[in-house]
């Protein structure tokens, strides 16, 4: 190691290799959350090796307003038509008011208990909005719509 400066001595390379081994062990023990890393610093192999976290069950249960609802994924075309209609005012959904658009989403997602138009009209405005947001959160729709706080649903009303 004649190229090393006299100040570094023989101990320096060993310390560096020990630090490198420690860093490698830390990486192996704790998977990297790629959402917290600058995209330009991500190795393409890391993209392929990350755990797939998208998807899930097509049906499930949510609690809201002291009730339990069985829900299913709404139809993609229906969701997209409602979003486009609300944003642009075009198409059938564009002619609907906000409450009607929320009802259409809830009606397409809730399996049981049935949400009839009469039951929908009996609900308070906040309850209609809250149930819609809870369903949107469960189905992942909140990630593409402009819900407050990055899609967080309101606290569960019991």
Foldseek 3Di string as FASTA:
>chain_A
DVPDDPVCPPVNVVVVVVVVVVVVVVCVVDPDDCVVDDVVPDDVVSVVPDDDDDDDDQWDWDAAQNDIFIWGAADPVLLVVLVCLVVPLDDPNSVDDPLVSLCVQCQRTTPPDHCDPVNSVVDDPVRSVLVSLRSCVVNVVLCVDDDPPSSDGDPGND
